[in-house]
Amino acid sequence: MYARQIAGDNDTITIIATEAITAKRCVAYNGTHTQYLAAVGVALHSTDSGDPISVGVAPIEVVESGGACTAGAQMEVDSSGRVIDYTSHVIIGRAIDAATDAGEFIRVRMFIQ
């Protein structure tokens, strides 16, 4: 019914969620939380599978942390779409702010691939 991308402008696109999506977590091109994939952007709201989701694709987005994050460190995405310090997967950006624990919201300079 919908194409993968159904709308867009300079700072957002809309895609179809293929699983339940939580706001302020990274989203992949396939409509899932990225789980170590390249992120297309950050979910601007929560939604259920099959629904359209607005995804922020601005150079700087606010993202939920999956643990302690170091300001200035390269970021990757954990299995639930939250950012963590880079270890071995796809780099999706660089942290502007630090987080001391999971569930905090930090600014990330996104490297959309």
PDB file of N, CA and C in Angstrom:
ATOM      1  N   MET A   1       0.820  -1.191   0.000  1.00  0.00           N
ATOM      2  CA  MET A   1       0.000   0.000   0.000  1.00  0.00           C
ATOM      3  C   MET A   1       0.860   1.248   0.000  1.00  0.00           C
ATOM      4  N   TYR A   2       1.875   1.328   0.859  1.00  0.00           N
ATOM      5  CA  TYR A   2       2.783   2.465   0.904  1.00  0.00           C
ATOM      6  C   TYR A   2       4.138   2.051   0.362  1.00  0.00           C
ATOM      7  N   ALA A   3       4.799   2.972  -0.269  1.00  0.00           N
ATOM      8  CA  ALA A   3       6.213   2.766  -0.583  1.00  0.00           C
ATOM      9  C   ALA A   3       6.980   2.891   0.728  1.00  0.00           C
ATOM     10  N   ARG A   4       8.208   2.424   0.759  1.00  0.00           N
ATOM     11  CA  ARG A   4       9.002   2.505   1.983  1.00  0.00           C
ATOM     12  C   ARG A   4       9.087   3.956   2.450  1.00  0.00           C
ATOM     13  N   GLN A   5       9.397   4.881   1.566  1.00  0.00           N
ATOM     14  CA  GLN A   5       9.383   6.298   1.922  1.00  0.00           C
ATOM     15  C   GLN A   5       8.147   6.910   1.311  1.00  0.00           C
ATOM     16  N   ILE A   6       7.279   7.512   2.136  1.00  0.00           N
ATOM     17  CA  ILE A   6       6.046   8.070   1.596  1.00  0.00           C
ATOM     18  C   ILE A   6       6.008   9.591   1.649  1.00  0.00           C
ATOM     19  N   ALA A   7       6.919  10.192   2.349  1.00  0.00           N
ATOM     20  CA  ALA A   7       6.965  11.649   2.412  1.00  0.00           C
ATOM     21  C   ALA A   7       8.335  12.063   2.901  1.00  0.00           C
ATOM     22  N   GLY A   8       8.686  13.301   2.667  1.00  0.00           N
ATOM     23  CA  GLY A   8       9.960  13.765   3.177  1.00  0.00           C
ATOM     24  C   GLY A   8      10.156  15.246   2.975  1.00  0.00           C
ATOM     25  N   ASP A   9      11.021  15.811   3.752  1.00  0.00           N
ATOM     26  CA  ASP A   9      11.489  17.169   3.548  1.00  0.00           C
ATOM     27  C   ASP A   9      12.950  17.178   3.975  1.00  0.00           C
ATOM     28  N   ASN A  10      13.504  18.318   4.258  1.00  0.00           N
ATOM     29  CA  ASN A  10      14.925  18.377   4.576  1.00  0.00           C
ATOM     30  C   ASN A  10      15.292  17.763   5.926  1.00  0.00           C
ATOM     31  N   ASP A  11      14.357  17.683   6.851  1.00  0.00           N
ATOM     32  CA  ASP A  11      14.673  17.215   8.203  1.00  0.00           C
ATOM     33  C   ASP A  11      13.947  15.947   8.628  1.00  0.00           C
ATOM     34  N   THR A  12      12.947  15.498   7.874  1.00  0.00           N
ATOM     35  CA  THR A  12      12.219  14.282   8.223  1.00  0.00           C
ATOM     36  C   THR A  12      11.868  13.488   6.973  1.00  0.00           C
ATOM     37  N   ILE A  13      11.705  12.198   7.180  1.00  0.00           N
ATOM     38  CA  ILE A  13      11.098  11.346   6.169  1.00  0.00           C
ATOM     39  C   ILE A  13      10.058  10.498   6.882  1.00  0.00           C
ATOM     40  N   THR A  14       9.176   9.897   6.144  1.00  0.00           N
ATOM     41  CA  THR A  14       8.187   8.993   6.704  1.00  0.00           C
ATOM     42  C   THR A  14       8.377   7.633   6.055  1.00  0.00           C
ATOM     43  N   ILE A  15       8.501   6.599   6.886  1.00  0.00           N
ATOM     44  CA  ILE A  15       8.596   5.237   6.379  1.00  0.00           C
ATOM     45  C   ILE A  15       7.548   4.393   7.098  1.00  0.00           C
ATOM     46  N   ILE A  16       7.351   3.178   6.642  1.00  0.00           N
ATOM     47  CA  ILE A  16       6.419   2.263   7.287  1.00  0.00           C
ATOM     48  C   ILE A  16       7.189   1.421   8.307  1.00  0.00           C
ATOM     49  N   ALA A  17       6.707   1.426   9.540  1.00  0.00           N
ATOM     50  CA  ALA A  17       7.320   0.614  10.591  1.00  0.00           C
ATOM     51  C   ALA A  17       7.017  -0.857  10.323  1.00  0.00           C
ATOM     52  N   THR A  18       8.022  -1.703  10.414  1.00  0.00           N
ATOM     53  CA  THR A  18       7.810  -3.144  10.244  1.00  0.00           C
ATOM     54  C   THR A  18       7.920  -3.878  11.583  1.00  0.00           C
ATOM     55  N   GLU A  19       8.011  -3.110  12.659  1.00  0.00           N
ATOM     56  CA  GLU A  19       7.920  -3.613  14.027  1.00  0.00           C
ATOM     57  C   GLU A  19       7.492  -2.429  14.887  1.00  0.00           C
ATOM     58  N   ALA A  20       7.139  -2.664  16.141  1.00  0.00           N
ATOM     59  CA  ALA A  20       6.825  -1.558  17.044  1.00  0.00           C
ATOM     60  C   ALA A  20       8.075  -0.691  17.198  1.00  0.00           C
ATOM     61  N   ILE A  21       7.899   0.609  17.075  1.00  0.00           N
ATOM     62  CA  ILE A  21       9.014   1.559  17.134  1.00  0.00           C
ATOM     63  C   ILE A  21       8.815   2.482  18.336  1.00  0.00           C
ATOM     64  N   THR A  22       9.899   2.727  19.071  1.00  0.00           N
ATOM     65  CA  THR A  22       9.890   3.604  20.237  1.00  0.00           C
ATOM     66  C   THR A  22      10.513   4.947  19.871  1.00  0.00           C
ATOM     67  N   ALA A  23       9.887   6.023  20.305  1.00  0.00           N
ATOM     68  CA  ALA A  23      10.377   7.375  20.025  1.00  0.00           C
ATOM     69  C   ALA A  23      11.795   7.567  20.531  1.00  0.00           C
ATOM     70  N   LYS A  24      12.547   8.386  19.810  1.00  0.00           N
ATOM     71  CA  LYS A  24      13.918   8.786  20.157  1.00  0.00           C
ATOM     72  C   LYS A  24      14.919   7.637  20.081  1.00  0.00           C
ATOM     73  N   ARG A  25      14.590   6.622  19.289  1.00  0.00           N
ATOM     74  CA  ARG A  25      15.526   5.532  19.024  1.00  0.00           C
ATOM     75  C   ARG A  25      15.783   5.462  17.523  1.00  0.00           C
ATOM     76  N   CYS A  26      16.927   4.931  17.155  1.00  0.00           N
ATOM     77  CA  CYS A  26      17.316   4.870  15.749  1.00  0.00           C
ATOM     78  C   CYS A  26      16.455   3.877  14.978  1.00  0.00           C
ATOM     79  N   VAL A  27      16.232   4.229  13.708  1.00  0.00           N
ATOM     80  CA  VAL A  27      15.420   3.417  12.814  1.00  0.00           C
ATOM     81  C   VAL A  27      16.235   3.136  11.558  1.00  0.00           C
ATOM     82  N   ALA A  28      16.138   1.904  11.051  1.00  0.00           N
ATOM     83  CA  ALA A  28      16.825   1.505   9.820  1.00  0.00           C
ATOM     84  C   ALA A  28      15.893   1.697   8.625  1.00  0.00           C
ATOM     85  N   TYR A  29      16.467   1.583   7.438  1.00  0.00           N
ATOM     86  CA  TYR A  29      15.706   1.717   6.203  1.00  0.00           C
ATOM     87  C   TYR A  29      14.570   0.707   6.110  1.00  0.00           C
ATOM     88  N   ASN A  30      14.704  -0.442   6.761  1.00  0.00           N
ATOM     89  CA  ASN A  30      13.688  -1.487   6.673  1.00  0.00           C
ATOM     90  C   ASN A  30      12.543  -1.302   7.667  1.00  0.00           C
ATOM     91  N   GLY A  31      12.506  -0.179   8.376  1.00  0.00           N
ATOM     92  CA  GLY A  31      11.399   0.111   9.284  1.00  0.00           C
ATOM     93  C   GLY A  31      11.494  -0.555  10.635  1.00  0.00           C
ATOM     94  N   THR A  32      12.704  -0.965  11.038  1.00  0.00           N
ATOM     95  CA  THR A  32      12.930  -1.589  12.340  1.00  0.00           C
ATOM     96  C   THR A  32      13.897  -0.728  13.145  1.00  0.00           C
ATOM     97  N   HIS A  33      13.990  -1.015  14.458  1.00  0.00           N
ATOM     98  CA  HIS A  33      15.101  -0.451  15.219  1.00  0.00           C
ATOM     99  C   HIS A  33      16.345  -1.104  14.629  1.00  0.00           C
ATOM    100  N   THR A  34      17.394  -0.357  14.482  1.00  0.00           N
ATOM    101  CA  THR A  34      18.488  -0.770  13.616  1.00  0.00           C
ATOM    102  C   THR A  34      19.213  -2.045  13.991  1.00  0.00           C
ATOM    103  N   GLN A  35      19.393  -2.329  15.257  1.00  0.00           N
ATOM    104  CA  GLN A  35      20.129  -3.503  15.725  1.00  0.00           C
ATOM    105  C   GLN A  35      21.402  -3.718  14.920  1.00  0.00           C
ATOM    106  N   TYR A  36      22.324  -2.800  15.066  1.00  0.00           N
ATOM    107  CA  TYR A  36      23.649  -2.854  14.462  1.00  0.00           C
ATOM    108  C   TYR A  36      23.662  -2.548  12.965  1.00  0.00           C
ATOM    109  N   LEU A  37      22.561  -2.110  12.402  1.00  0.00           N
ATOM    110  CA  LEU A  37      22.523  -1.709  10.994  1.00  0.00           C
ATOM    111  C   LEU A  37      22.767  -0.212  10.895  1.00  0.00           C
ATOM    112  N   ALA A  38      22.968   0.253   9.682  1.00  0.00           N
ATOM    113  CA  ALA A  38      23.083   1.691   9.460  1.00  0.00           C
ATOM    114  C   ALA A  38      21.729   2.345   9.735  1.00  0.00           C
ATOM    115  N   ALA A  39      21.735   3.434  10.464  1.00  0.00           N
ATOM    116  CA  ALA A  39      20.503   4.147  10.793  1.00  0.00           C
ATOM    117  C   ALA A  39      20.146   5.115   9.678  1.00  0.00           C
ATOM    118  N   VAL A  40      18.852   5.198   9.360  1.00  0.00           N
ATOM    119  CA  VAL A  40      18.374   6.234   8.450  1.00  0.00           C
ATOM    120  C   VAL A  40      18.079   7.506   9.237  1.00  0.00           C
ATOM    121  N   GLY A  41      17.757   7.359  10.521  1.00  0.00           N
ATOM    122  CA  GLY A  41      17.455   8.512  11.356  1.00  0.00           C
ATOM    123  C   GLY A  41      16.888   8.067  12.690  1.00  0.00           C
ATOM    124  N   VAL A  42      16.154   8.980  13.336  1.00  0.00           N
ATOM    125  CA  VAL A  42      15.644   8.765  14.688  1.00  0.00           C
ATOM    126  C   VAL A  42      14.126   8.918  14.686  1.00  0.00           C
ATOM    127  N   ALA A  43      13.429   7.948  15.294  1.00  0.00           N
ATOM    128  CA  ALA A  43      11.968   7.989  15.374  1.00  0.00           C
ATOM    129  C   ALA A  43      11.523   9.218  16.166  1.00  0.00           C
ATOM    130  N   LEU A  44      10.599   9.981  15.602  1.00  0.00           N
ATOM    131  CA  LEU A  44      10.108  11.178  16.276  1.00  0.00           C
ATOM    132  C   LEU A  44       8.920  10.886  17.186  1.00  0.00           C
ATOM    133  N   HIS A  45       8.320   9.712  17.045  1.00  0.00           N
ATOM    134  CA  HIS A  45       7.224   9.278  17.912  1.00  0.00           C
ATOM    135  C   HIS A  45       7.207   7.756  17.922  1.00  0.00           C
ATOM    136  N   SER A  46       6.462   7.176  18.830  1.00  0.00           N
ATOM    137  CA  SER A  46       6.316   5.725  18.889  1.00  0.00           C
ATOM    138  C   SER A  46       5.165   5.298  17.989  1.00  0.00           C
ATOM    139  N   THR A  47       5.242   4.082  17.453  1.00  0.00           N
ATOM    140  CA  THR A  47       4.173   3.564  16.608  1.00  0.00           C
ATOM    141  C   THR A  47       4.200   2.046  16.579  1.00  0.00           C
ATOM    142  N   ASP A  48       3.138   1.468  16.063  1.00  0.00           N
ATOM    143  CA  ASP A  48       3.024   0.022  15.926  1.00  0.00           C
ATOM    144  C   ASP A  48       3.487  -0.417  14.550  1.00  0.00           C
ATOM    145  N   SER A  49       3.770  -1.687  14.409  1.00  0.00           N
ATOM    146  CA  SER A  49       4.140  -2.263  13.118  1.00  0.00           C
ATOM    147  C   SER A  49       3.040  -2.006  12.100  1.00  0.00           C
ATOM    148  N   GLY A  50       3.450  -1.637  10.893  1.00  0.00           N
ATOM    149  CA  GLY A  50       2.505  -1.379   9.809  1.00  0.00           C
ATOM    150  C   GLY A  50       2.069   0.063   9.685  1.00  0.00           C
ATOM    151  N   ASP A  51       2.373   0.883  10.687  1.00  0.00           N
ATOM    152  CA  ASP A  51       1.982   2.287  10.658  1.00  0.00           C
ATOM    153  C   ASP A  51       3.115   3.155  10.112  1.00  0.00           C
ATOM    154  N   PRO A  52       2.775   4.315   9.532  1.00  0.00           N
ATOM    155  CA  PRO A  52       3.821   5.251   9.117  1.00  0.00           C
ATOM    156  C   PRO A  52       4.522   5.831  10.342  1.00  0.00           C
ATOM    157  N   ILE A  53       5.808   6.098  10.192  1.00  0.00           N
ATOM    158  CA  ILE A  53       6.582   6.699  11.276  1.00  0.00           C
ATOM    159  C   ILE A  53       7.404   7.856  10.725  1.00  0.00           C
ATOM    160  N   SER A  54       7.356   8.985  11.405  1.00  0.00           N
ATOM    161  CA  SER A  54       8.190  10.128  11.038  1.00  0.00           C
ATOM    162  C   SER A  54       9.575   9.906  11.624  1.00  0.00           C
ATOM    163  N   VAL A  55      10.591  10.066  10.781  1.00  0.00           N
ATOM    164  CA  VAL A  55      11.971   9.808  11.167  1.00  0.00           C
ATOM    165  C   VAL A  55      12.785  11.082  10.966  1.00  0.00           C
ATOM    166  N   GLY A  56      13.418  11.547  12.034  1.00  0.00           N
ATOM    167  CA  GLY A  56      14.269  12.725  11.947  1.00  0.00           C
ATOM    168  C   GLY A  56      15.582  12.389  11.259  1.00  0.00           C
ATOM    169  N   VAL A  57      15.929  13.168  10.244  1.00  0.00           N
ATOM    170  CA  VAL A  57      17.164  12.945   9.497  1.00  0.00           C
ATOM    171  C   VAL A  57      18.040  14.197   9.495  1.00  0.00           C
ATOM    172  N   ALA A  58      17.849  15.050  10.493  1.00  0.00           N
ATOM    173  CA  ALA A  58      18.668  16.251  10.609  1.00  0.00           C
ATOM    174  C   ALA A  58      20.094  15.850  10.987  1.00  0.00           C
ATOM    175  N   PRO A  59      21.057  16.709  10.736  1.00  0.00           N
ATOM    176  CA  PRO A  59      22.438  16.377  11.092  1.00  0.00           C
ATOM    177  C   PRO A  59      22.632  16.107  12.576  1.00  0.00           C
ATOM    178  N   ILE A  60      21.842  16.749  13.425  1.00  0.00           N
ATOM    179  CA  ILE A  60      21.925  16.510  14.868  1.00  0.00           C
ATOM    180  C   ILE A  60      20.543  16.096  15.351  1.00  0.00           C
ATOM    181  N   GLU A  61      20.478  14.915  15.994  1.00  0.00           N
ATOM    182  CA  GLU A  61      19.220  14.390  16.528  1.00  0.00           C
ATOM    183  C   GLU A  61      19.404  14.038  17.995  1.00  0.00           C
ATOM    184  N   VAL A  62      18.322  14.084  18.762  1.00  0.00           N
ATOM    185  CA  VAL A  62      18.320  13.654  20.158  1.00  0.00           C
ATOM    186  C   VAL A  62      17.932  12.178  20.169  1.00  0.00           C
ATOM    187  N   VAL A  63      18.774  11.355  20.817  1.00  0.00           N
ATOM    188  CA  VAL A  63      18.606   9.907  20.794  1.00  0.00           C
ATOM    189  C   VAL A  63      18.730   9.365  22.218  1.00  0.00           C
ATOM    190  N   GLU A  64      17.980   8.307  22.506  1.00  0.00           N
ATOM    191  CA  GLU A  64      18.071   7.648  23.815  1.00  0.00           C
ATOM    192  C   GLU A  64      19.345   6.817  23.897  1.00  0.00           C
ATOM    193  N   SER A  65      20.020   6.914  25.038  1.00  0.00           N
ATOM    194  CA  SER A  65      21.250   6.131  25.249  1.00  0.00           C
ATOM    195  C   SER A  65      20.919   4.721  25.724  1.00  0.00           C
ATOM    196  N   GLY A  66      21.775   3.781  25.345  1.00  0.00           N
ATOM    197  CA  GLY A  66      21.622   2.398  25.780  1.00  0.00           C
ATOM    198  C   GLY A  66      22.549   2.051  26.925  1.00  0.00           C
ATOM    199  N   GLY A  67      23.279   3.018  27.414  1.00  0.00           N
ATOM    200  CA  GLY A  67      24.241   2.846  28.502  1.00  0.00           C
ATOM    201  C   GLY A  67      25.036   4.119  28.617  1.00  0.00           C
ATOM    202  N   ALA A  68      26.119   4.060  29.349  1.00  0.00           N
ATOM    203  CA  ALA A  68      26.988   5.225  29.451  1.00  0.00           C
ATOM    204  C   ALA A  68      27.548   5.549  28.064  1.00  0.00           C
ATOM    205  N   CYS A  69      27.543   6.828  27.700  1.00  0.00           N
ATOM    206  CA  CYS A  69      28.079   7.286  26.418  1.00  0.00           C
ATOM    207  C   CYS A  69      29.079   8.404  26.682  1.00  0.00           C
ATOM    208  N   THR A  70      30.126   8.420  25.901  1.00  0.00           N
ATOM    209  CA  THR A  70      31.189   9.401  26.056  1.00  0.00           C
ATOM    210  C   THR A  70      31.009  10.530  25.063  1.00  0.00           C
ATOM    211  N   ALA A  71      30.989  11.775  25.545  1.00  0.00           N
ATOM    212  CA  ALA A  71      30.903  12.917  24.644  1.00  0.00           C
ATOM    213  C   ALA A  71      32.091  12.882  23.691  1.00  0.00           C
ATOM    214  N   GLY A  72      31.830  13.053  22.406  1.00  0.00           N
ATOM    215  CA  GLY A  72      32.877  13.041  21.395  1.00  0.00           C
ATOM    216  C   GLY A  72      33.162  11.665  20.819  1.00  0.00           C
ATOM    217  N   ALA A  73      32.616  10.612  21.430  1.00  0.00           N
ATOM    218  CA  ALA A  73      32.874   9.245  20.957  1.00  0.00           C
ATOM    219  C   ALA A  73      32.011   8.911  19.747  1.00  0.00           C
ATOM    220  N   GLN A  74      32.514   8.004  18.920  1.00  0.00           N
ATOM    221  CA  GLN A  74      31.713   7.465  17.828  1.00  0.00           C
ATOM    222  C   GLN A  74      30.632   6.585  18.435  1.00  0.00           C
ATOM    223  N   MET A  75      29.449   6.599  17.812  1.00  0.00           N
ATOM    224  CA  MET A  75      28.304   5.865  18.325  1.00  0.00           C
ATOM    225  C   MET A  75      27.902   4.744  17.375  1.00  0.00           C
ATOM    226  N   GLU A  76      27.372   3.675  17.953  1.00  0.00           N
ATOM    227  CA  GLU A  76      26.692   2.630  17.205  1.00  0.00           C
ATOM    228  C   GLU A  76      25.349   2.416  17.890  1.00  0.00           C
ATOM    229  N   VAL A  77      24.565   1.493  17.373  1.00  0.00           N
ATOM    230  CA  VAL A  77      23.214   1.282  17.881  1.00  0.00           C
ATOM    231  C   VAL A  77      23.109  -0.105  18.495  1.00  0.00           C
ATOM    232  N   ASP A  78      22.446  -0.188  19.660  1.00  0.00           N
ATOM    233  CA  ASP A  78      22.243  -1.494  20.286  1.00  0.00           C
ATOM    234  C   ASP A  78      21.018  -2.184  19.687  1.00  0.00           C
ATOM    235  N   SER A  79      20.654  -3.329  20.229  1.00  0.00           N
ATOM    236  CA  SER A  79      19.580  -4.138  19.658  1.00  0.00           C
ATOM    237  C   SER A  79      18.196  -3.513  19.774  1.00  0.00           C
ATOM    238  N   SER A  80      18.050  -2.460  20.575  1.00  0.00           N
ATOM    239  CA  SER A  80      16.749  -1.807  20.705  1.00  0.00           C
ATOM    240  C   SER A  80      16.723  -0.407  20.118  1.00  0.00           C
ATOM    241  N   GLY A  81      17.746  -0.042  19.337  1.00  0.00           N
ATOM    242  CA  GLY A  81      17.755   1.250  18.658  1.00  0.00           C
ATOM    243  C   GLY A  81      18.370   2.388  19.451  1.00  0.00           C
ATOM    244  N   ARG A  82      18.905   2.097  20.644  1.00  0.00           N
ATOM    245  CA  ARG A  82      19.526   3.143  21.456  1.00  0.00           C
ATOM    246  C   ARG A  82      21.009   3.257  21.099  1.00  0.00           C
ATOM    247  N   VAL A  83      21.589   4.433  21.311  1.00  0.00           N
ATOM    248  CA  VAL A  83      22.999   4.622  20.980  1.00  0.00           C
ATOM    249  C   VAL A  83      23.897   4.190  22.135  1.00  0.00           C
ATOM    250  N   ILE A  84      25.058   3.643  21.751  1.00  0.00           N
ATOM    251  CA  ILE A  84      26.098   3.240  22.690  1.00  0.00           C
ATOM    252  C   ILE A  84      27.441   3.598  22.066  1.00  0.00           C
ATOM    253  N   ASP A  85      28.483   3.666  22.892  1.00  0.00           N
ATOM    254  CA  ASP A  85      29.821   3.914  22.359  1.00  0.00           C
ATOM    255  C   ASP A  85      30.180   2.815  21.356  1.00  0.00           C
ATOM    256  N   TYR A  86      30.853   3.188  20.293  1.00  0.00           N
ATOM    257  CA  TYR A  86      31.228   2.259  19.226  1.00  0.00           C
ATOM    258  C   TYR A  86      32.185   1.190  19.735  1.00  0.00           C
ATOM    259  N   THR A  87      31.904  -0.069  19.346  1.00  0.00           N
ATOM    260  CA  THR A  87      32.819  -1.166  19.640  1.00  0.00           C
ATOM    261  C   THR A  87      33.216  -1.911  18.376  1.00  0.00           C
ATOM    262  N   SER A  88      32.219  -2.309  17.562  1.00  0.00           N
ATOM    263  CA  SER A  88      32.582  -3.122  16.396  1.00  0.00           C
ATOM    264  C   SER A  88      31.551  -3.145  15.272  1.00  0.00           C
ATOM    265  N   HIS A  89      30.461  -2.445  15.395  1.00  0.00           N
ATOM    266  CA  HIS A  89      29.417  -2.515  14.377  1.00  0.00           C
ATOM    267  C   HIS A  89      29.455  -1.266  13.488  1.00  0.00           C
ATOM    268  N   VAL A  90      28.325  -0.814  12.995  1.00  0.00           N
ATOM    269  CA  VAL A  90      28.262   0.332  12.085  1.00  0.00           C
ATOM    270  C   VAL A  90      28.247   1.633  12.878  1.00  0.00           C
ATOM    271  N   ILE A  91      29.151   2.546  12.553  1.00  0.00           N
ATOM    272  CA  ILE A  91      29.178   3.868  13.190  1.00  0.00           C
ATOM    273  C   ILE A  91      28.032   4.684  12.609  1.00  0.00           C
ATOM    274  N   ILE A  92      27.173   5.218  13.496  1.00  0.00           N
ATOM    275  CA  ILE A  92      26.034   6.009  13.017  1.00  0.00           C
ATOM    276  C   ILE A  92      26.157   7.491  13.369  1.00  0.00           C
ATOM    277  N   GLY A  93      27.185   7.853  14.130  1.00  0.00           N
ATOM    278  CA  GLY A  93      27.350   9.252  14.480  1.00  0.00           C
ATOM    279  C   GLY A  93      28.368   9.440  15.582  1.00  0.00           C
ATOM    280  N   ARG A  94      28.403  10.669  16.082  1.00  0.00           N
ATOM    281  CA  ARG A  94      29.328  11.024  17.162  1.00  0.00           C
ATOM    282  C   ARG A  94      28.525  11.747  18.235  1.00  0.00           C
ATOM    283  N   ALA A  95      28.714  11.333  19.496  1.00  0.00           N
ATOM    284  CA  ALA A  95      27.992  11.935  20.617  1.00  0.00           C
ATOM    285  C   ALA A  95      28.447  13.369  20.846  1.00  0.00           C
ATOM    286  N   ILE A  96      27.501  14.240  21.023  1.00  0.00           N
ATOM    287  CA  ILE A  96      27.799  15.619  21.413  1.00  0.00           C
ATOM    288  C   ILE A  96      27.787  15.715  22.936  1.00  0.00           C
ATOM    289  N   ASP A  97      26.870  14.966  23.543  1.00  0.00           N
ATOM    290  CA  ASP A  97      26.722  14.967  24.997  1.00  0.00           C
ATOM    291  C   ASP A  97      27.150  13.624  25.565  1.00  0.00           C
ATOM    292  N   ALA A  98      27.392  13.578  26.863  1.00  0.00           N
ATOM    293  CA  ALA A  98      27.677  12.331  27.566  1.00  0.00           C
ATOM    294  C   ALA A  98      26.395  11.828  28.231  1.00  0.00           C
ATOM    295  N   ALA A  99      26.337  10.524  28.456  1.00  0.00           N
ATOM    296  CA  ALA A  99      25.269   9.908  29.253  1.00  0.00           C
ATOM    297  C   ALA A  99      25.941   9.041  30.306  1.00  0.00           C
ATOM    298  N   THR A 100      25.375   9.012  31.496  1.00  0.00           N
ATOM    299  CA  THR A 100      25.943   8.193  32.555  1.00  0.00           C
ATOM    300  C   THR A 100      25.282   6.827  32.656  1.00  0.00           C
ATOM    301  N   ASP A 101      24.110   6.667  32.008  1.00  0.00           N
ATOM    302  CA  ASP A 101      23.378   5.407  32.105  1.00  0.00           C
ATOM    303  C   ASP A 101      22.393   5.300  30.944  1.00  0.00           C
ATOM    304  N   ALA A 102      21.806   4.138  30.789  1.00  0.00           N
ATOM    305  CA  ALA A 102      20.782   3.923  29.767  1.00  0.00           C
ATOM    306  C   ALA A 102      19.550   4.773  30.067  1.00  0.00           C
ATOM    307  N   GLY A 103      18.834   5.132  29.009  1.00  0.00           N
ATOM    308  CA  GLY A 103      17.594   5.870  29.168  1.00  0.00           C
ATOM    309  C   GLY A 103      17.745   7.375  29.193  1.00  0.00           C
ATOM    310  N   GLU A 104      18.958   7.876  29.061  1.00  0.00           N
ATOM    311  CA  GLU A 104      19.171   9.322  28.983  1.00  0.00           C
ATOM    312  C   GLU A 104      19.068   9.756  27.524  1.00  0.00           C
ATOM    313  N   PHE A 105      18.823  11.027  27.302  1.00  0.00           N
ATOM    314  CA  PHE A 105      18.694  11.548  25.950  1.00  0.00           C
ATOM    315  C   PHE A 105      19.863  12.473  25.657  1.00  0.00           C
ATOM    316  N   ILE A 106      20.591  12.152  24.581  1.00  0.00           N
ATOM    317  CA  ILE A 106      21.776  12.927  24.217  1.00  0.00           C
ATOM    318  C   ILE A 106      21.683  13.348  22.756  1.00  0.00           C
ATOM    319  N   ARG A 107      22.414  14.408  22.449  1.00  0.00           N
ATOM    320  CA  ARG A 107      22.494  14.841  21.054  1.00  0.00           C
ATOM    321  C   ARG A 107      23.591  14.050  20.358  1.00  0.00           C
ATOM    322  N   VAL A 108      23.278  13.627  19.123  1.00  0.00           N
ATOM    323  CA  VAL A 108      24.234  12.881  18.317  1.00  0.00           C
ATOM    324  C   VAL A 108      24.325  13.544  16.948  1.00  0.00           C
ATOM    325  N   ARG A 109      25.555  13.775  16.504  1.00  0.00           N
ATOM    326  CA  ARG A 109      25.811  14.236  15.132  1.00  0.00           C
ATOM    327  C   ARG A 109      25.733  12.994  14.276  1.00  0.00           C
ATOM    328  N   MET A 110      24.639  12.870  13.507  1.00  0.00           N
ATOM    329  CA  MET A 110      24.341  11.644  12.760  1.00  0.00           C
ATOM    330  C   MET A 110      25.184  11.565  11.484  1.00  0.00           C
ATOM    331  N   PHE A 111      25.682  10.367  11.211  1.00  0.00           N
ATOM    332  CA  PHE A 111      26.352  10.056   9.958  1.00  0.00           C
ATOM    333  C   PHE A 111      25.410   9.149   9.182  1.00  0.00           C
ATOM    334  N   ILE A 112      24.439   9.730   8.507  1.00  0.00           N
ATOM    335  CA  ILE A 112      23.459   8.943   7.761  1.00  0.00           C
ATOM    336  C   ILE A 112      24.140   8.371   6.532  1.00  0.00           C
ATOM    337  N   GLN A 113      24.042   7.049   6.372  1.00  0.00           N
ATOM    338  CA  GLN A 113      24.726   6.368   5.278  1.00  0.00           C
ATOM    339  C   GLN A 113      23.768   5.953   4.189  1.00  0.00           C
TER     340      GLN A 113
END
